[in-house]
């Protein structure tokens, strides 16, 4: 299960970046949102030079799974 509809359509790093930032908007509290936005930006800078298509697919898959975990974590706290 994906945190937002459309996760299955994410195919490129730019689409992933936008998708993750949209997920952040659903998190409670400005501080939590800013924390995860910062983490997303940091991760994109770290992986900016990745050029292996298989590795990029792995990163996208893992990022969506992690976003799902974070969204579930904060959903349970409500």
N, C-alpha and C. Protein backbone atom coordinates (compact mmCIF):
# COMPACT_ATOMS: atom_id res chain seq x y z
N UNK A 1 0.84 -1.19 0.00
CA UNK A 1 0.00 0.00 0.00
C UNK A 1 0.88 1.24 0.00
N UNK A 2 0.58 2.18 -0.85
CA UNK A 2 1.37 3.39 -0.98
C UNK A 2 0.77 4.52 -0.14
N UNK A 3 1.60 5.46 0.31
CA UNK A 3 1.11 6.56 1.12
C UNK A 3 0.12 7.47 0.39
N UNK A 4 0.31 7.67 -0.88
CA UNK A 4 -0.59 8.49 -1.69
C UNK A 4 -0.93 7.75 -2.97
N UNK A 5 -2.10 8.02 -3.53
CA UNK A 5 -2.40 7.42 -4.83
C UNK A 5 -1.39 7.92 -5.87
N UNK A 6 -1.04 7.07 -6.79
CA UNK A 6 -0.12 7.47 -7.84
C UNK A 6 1.30 7.00 -7.61
N UNK A 7 1.57 6.31 -6.53
CA UNK A 7 2.93 5.84 -6.25
C UNK A 7 3.41 4.89 -7.35
N UNK A 8 2.48 4.13 -7.90
CA UNK A 8 2.86 3.18 -8.95
C UNK A 8 3.26 3.88 -10.25
N UNK A 9 2.94 5.17 -10.38
CA UNK A 9 3.29 5.93 -11.57
C UNK A 9 4.67 6.58 -11.48
N UNK A 10 5.28 6.53 -10.32
CA UNK A 10 6.59 7.16 -10.12
C UNK A 10 7.65 6.32 -10.84
N UNK A 11 8.27 6.90 -11.86
CA UNK A 11 9.28 6.19 -12.65
C UNK A 11 10.63 6.90 -12.69
N UNK A 12 10.64 8.19 -12.41
CA UNK A 12 11.89 8.95 -12.51
C UNK A 12 12.21 9.60 -11.16
N UNK A 13 13.47 9.97 -10.95
CA UNK A 13 13.85 10.64 -9.71
C UNK A 13 13.07 11.94 -9.46
N UNK A 14 12.82 12.70 -10.52
CA UNK A 14 12.07 13.95 -10.36
C UNK A 14 10.63 13.67 -9.92
N UNK A 15 10.01 12.65 -10.49
CA UNK A 15 8.65 12.27 -10.07
C UNK A 15 8.66 11.82 -8.60
N UNK A 16 9.69 11.07 -8.23
CA UNK A 16 9.81 10.63 -6.85
C UNK A 16 9.94 11.82 -5.90
N UNK A 17 10.78 12.77 -6.26
CA UNK A 17 10.99 13.96 -5.44
C UNK A 17 9.67 14.69 -5.20
N UNK A 18 8.92 14.92 -6.26
CA UNK A 18 7.63 15.61 -6.14
C UNK A 18 6.64 14.80 -5.31
N UNK A 19 6.62 13.51 -5.54
CA UNK A 19 5.73 12.61 -4.80
C UNK A 19 6.02 12.67 -3.30
N UNK A 20 7.30 12.59 -2.93
CA UNK A 20 7.67 12.61 -1.52
C UNK A 20 7.35 13.95 -0.87
N UNK A 21 7.53 15.05 -1.60
CA UNK A 21 7.18 16.36 -1.04
C UNK A 21 5.67 16.48 -0.83
N UNK A 22 4.87 15.87 -1.72
CA UNK A 22 3.42 15.87 -1.52
C UNK A 22 3.06 15.06 -0.28
N UNK A 23 3.77 13.96 -0.05
CA UNK A 23 3.53 13.16 1.16
C UNK A 23 3.80 13.98 2.41
N UNK A 24 4.83 14.81 2.37
CA UNK A 24 5.19 15.63 3.53
C UNK A 24 4.06 16.57 3.93
N UNK A 25 3.31 17.03 2.96
CA UNK A 25 2.22 17.96 3.26
C UNK A 25 1.13 17.31 4.12
N UNK A 26 1.08 15.98 4.13
CA UNK A 26 0.06 15.27 4.90
C UNK A 26 0.49 14.99 6.34
N UNK A 27 1.75 15.25 6.65
CA UNK A 27 2.25 14.98 7.99
C UNK A 27 1.79 16.06 8.96
N UNK A 28 1.60 15.68 10.23
CA UNK A 28 1.13 16.66 11.22
C UNK A 28 2.28 17.56 11.69
N UNK A 29 2.01 18.82 11.82
CA UNK A 29 2.98 19.76 12.39
C UNK A 29 4.02 20.25 11.41
N UNK A 30 4.28 21.52 11.48
CA UNK A 30 5.24 22.16 10.59
C UNK A 30 6.66 21.63 10.80
N UNK A 31 7.04 21.38 12.06
CA UNK A 31 8.39 20.88 12.34
C UNK A 31 8.63 19.51 11.73
N UNK A 32 7.65 18.64 11.84
CA UNK A 32 7.76 17.29 11.28
C UNK A 32 7.87 17.37 9.76
N UNK A 33 7.04 18.20 9.16
CA UNK A 33 7.07 18.37 7.70
C UNK A 33 8.44 18.88 7.25
N UNK A 34 8.96 19.89 7.92
CA UNK A 34 10.26 20.45 7.55
C UNK A 34 11.39 19.44 7.75
N UNK A 35 11.30 18.64 8.79
CA UNK A 35 12.31 17.61 9.04
C UNK A 35 12.38 16.63 7.86
N UNK A 36 11.23 16.12 7.44
CA UNK A 36 11.23 15.15 6.35
C UNK A 36 11.56 15.79 5.01
N UNK A 37 11.16 17.03 4.79
CA UNK A 37 11.55 17.73 3.55
C UNK A 37 13.07 17.86 3.48
N UNK A 38 13.68 18.19 4.62
CA UNK A 38 15.14 18.31 4.67
C UNK A 38 15.79 16.96 4.36
N UNK A 39 15.25 15.89 4.94
CA UNK A 39 15.80 14.56 4.69
C UNK A 39 15.69 14.17 3.21
N UNK A 40 14.56 14.52 2.60
CA UNK A 40 14.36 14.22 1.17
C UNK A 40 15.39 14.96 0.34
N UNK A 41 15.58 16.24 0.62
CA UNK A 41 16.56 17.02 -0.15
C UNK A 41 17.98 16.46 0.02
N UNK A 42 18.33 16.11 1.25
CA UNK A 42 19.66 15.54 1.51
C UNK A 42 19.86 14.24 0.72
N UNK A 43 18.87 13.38 0.73
CA UNK A 43 18.98 12.11 0.02
C UNK A 43 19.12 12.32 -1.48
N UNK A 44 18.42 13.31 -2.02
CA UNK A 44 18.54 13.56 -3.45
C UNK A 44 19.92 14.10 -3.80
N UNK A 45 20.49 14.90 -2.93
CA UNK A 45 21.85 15.39 -3.19
C UNK A 45 22.85 14.24 -3.14
N UNK A 46 22.68 13.33 -2.21
CA UNK A 46 23.59 12.20 -2.06
C UNK A 46 23.54 11.29 -3.29
N UNK A 47 22.35 11.09 -3.84
CA UNK A 47 22.18 10.16 -4.96
C UNK A 47 22.12 10.86 -6.32
N UNK A 48 22.46 12.12 -6.38
CA UNK A 48 22.32 12.89 -7.62
C UNK A 48 23.18 12.34 -8.77
N UNK A 49 24.29 11.70 -8.46
CA UNK A 49 25.18 11.22 -9.53
C UNK A 49 24.92 9.76 -9.90
N UNK A 50 23.86 9.18 -9.37
CA UNK A 50 23.52 7.78 -9.68
C UNK A 50 23.07 7.67 -11.14
N UNK A 51 23.70 6.76 -11.89
CA UNK A 51 23.33 6.62 -13.30
C UNK A 51 22.95 5.19 -13.70
N UNK A 52 22.99 4.26 -12.77
CA UNK A 52 22.61 2.89 -13.04
C UNK A 52 21.08 2.78 -12.95
N UNK A 53 20.39 2.46 -14.06
CA UNK A 53 18.93 2.40 -14.06
C UNK A 53 18.35 1.41 -13.04
N UNK A 54 19.00 0.27 -12.86
CA UNK A 54 18.52 -0.71 -11.89
C UNK A 54 18.63 -0.16 -10.47
N UNK A 55 19.73 0.49 -10.17
CA UNK A 55 19.92 1.09 -8.84
C UNK A 55 18.90 2.21 -8.60
N UNK A 56 18.60 2.99 -9.62
CA UNK A 56 17.60 4.06 -9.51
C UNK A 56 16.23 3.46 -9.21
N UNK A 57 15.86 2.36 -9.88
CA UNK A 57 14.59 1.69 -9.60
C UNK A 57 14.55 1.18 -8.16
N UNK A 58 15.67 0.66 -7.67
CA UNK A 58 15.73 0.19 -6.29
C UNK A 58 15.52 1.34 -5.30
N UNK A 59 16.17 2.45 -5.58
CA UNK A 59 16.05 3.63 -4.70
C UNK A 59 14.61 4.14 -4.69
N UNK A 60 13.98 4.20 -5.86
CA UNK A 60 12.59 4.65 -5.95
C UNK A 60 11.68 3.73 -5.15
N UNK A 61 11.84 2.43 -5.35
CA UNK A 61 11.01 1.45 -4.63
C UNK A 61 11.18 1.58 -3.12
N UNK A 62 12.42 1.65 -2.69
CA UNK A 62 12.70 1.75 -1.25
C UNK A 62 12.18 3.07 -0.67
N UNK A 63 12.29 4.15 -1.42
CA UNK A 63 11.83 5.45 -0.95
C UNK A 63 10.31 5.46 -0.75
N UNK A 64 9.59 4.84 -1.66
CA UNK A 64 8.14 4.77 -1.53
C UNK A 64 7.76 3.90 -0.33
N UNK A 65 8.47 2.80 -0.14
CA UNK A 65 8.22 1.95 1.03
C UNK A 65 8.48 2.71 2.33
N UNK A 66 9.57 3.47 2.36
CA UNK A 66 9.89 4.26 3.55
C UNK A 66 8.85 5.34 3.80
N UNK A 67 8.38 5.98 2.73
CA UNK A 67 7.34 7.00 2.88
C UNK A 67 6.06 6.38 3.43
N UNK A 68 5.74 5.17 2.98
CA UNK A 68 4.58 4.46 3.49
C UNK A 68 4.73 4.20 4.99
N UNK A 69 5.90 3.78 5.40
CA UNK A 69 6.16 3.52 6.81
C UNK A 69 5.99 4.79 7.65
N UNK A 70 6.55 5.90 7.17
CA UNK A 70 6.45 7.16 7.90
C UNK A 70 5.00 7.61 8.00
N UNK A 71 4.25 7.50 6.89
CA UNK A 71 2.86 7.92 6.91
C UNK A 71 2.05 7.06 7.88
N UNK A 72 2.29 5.76 7.91
CA UNK A 72 1.59 4.87 8.85
C UNK A 72 1.97 5.20 10.29
N UNK A 73 3.22 5.52 10.52
CA UNK A 73 3.69 5.87 11.86
C UNK A 73 2.92 7.06 12.41
N UNK A 74 2.77 8.10 11.60
CA UNK A 74 2.08 9.29 12.08
C UNK A 74 0.57 9.13 12.09
N UNK A 75 0.05 8.24 11.24
CA UNK A 75 -1.38 7.96 11.25
C UNK A 75 -1.78 7.29 12.56
N UNK A 76 -0.93 6.39 13.06
CA UNK A 76 -1.21 5.68 14.31
C UNK A 76 -1.14 6.59 15.53
N UNK A 77 -0.39 7.67 15.45
CA UNK A 77 -0.22 8.58 16.58
C UNK A 77 -1.43 9.48 16.78
N UNK A 78 -2.29 9.58 15.80
CA UNK A 78 -3.45 10.48 15.92
C UNK A 78 -4.43 10.00 16.94
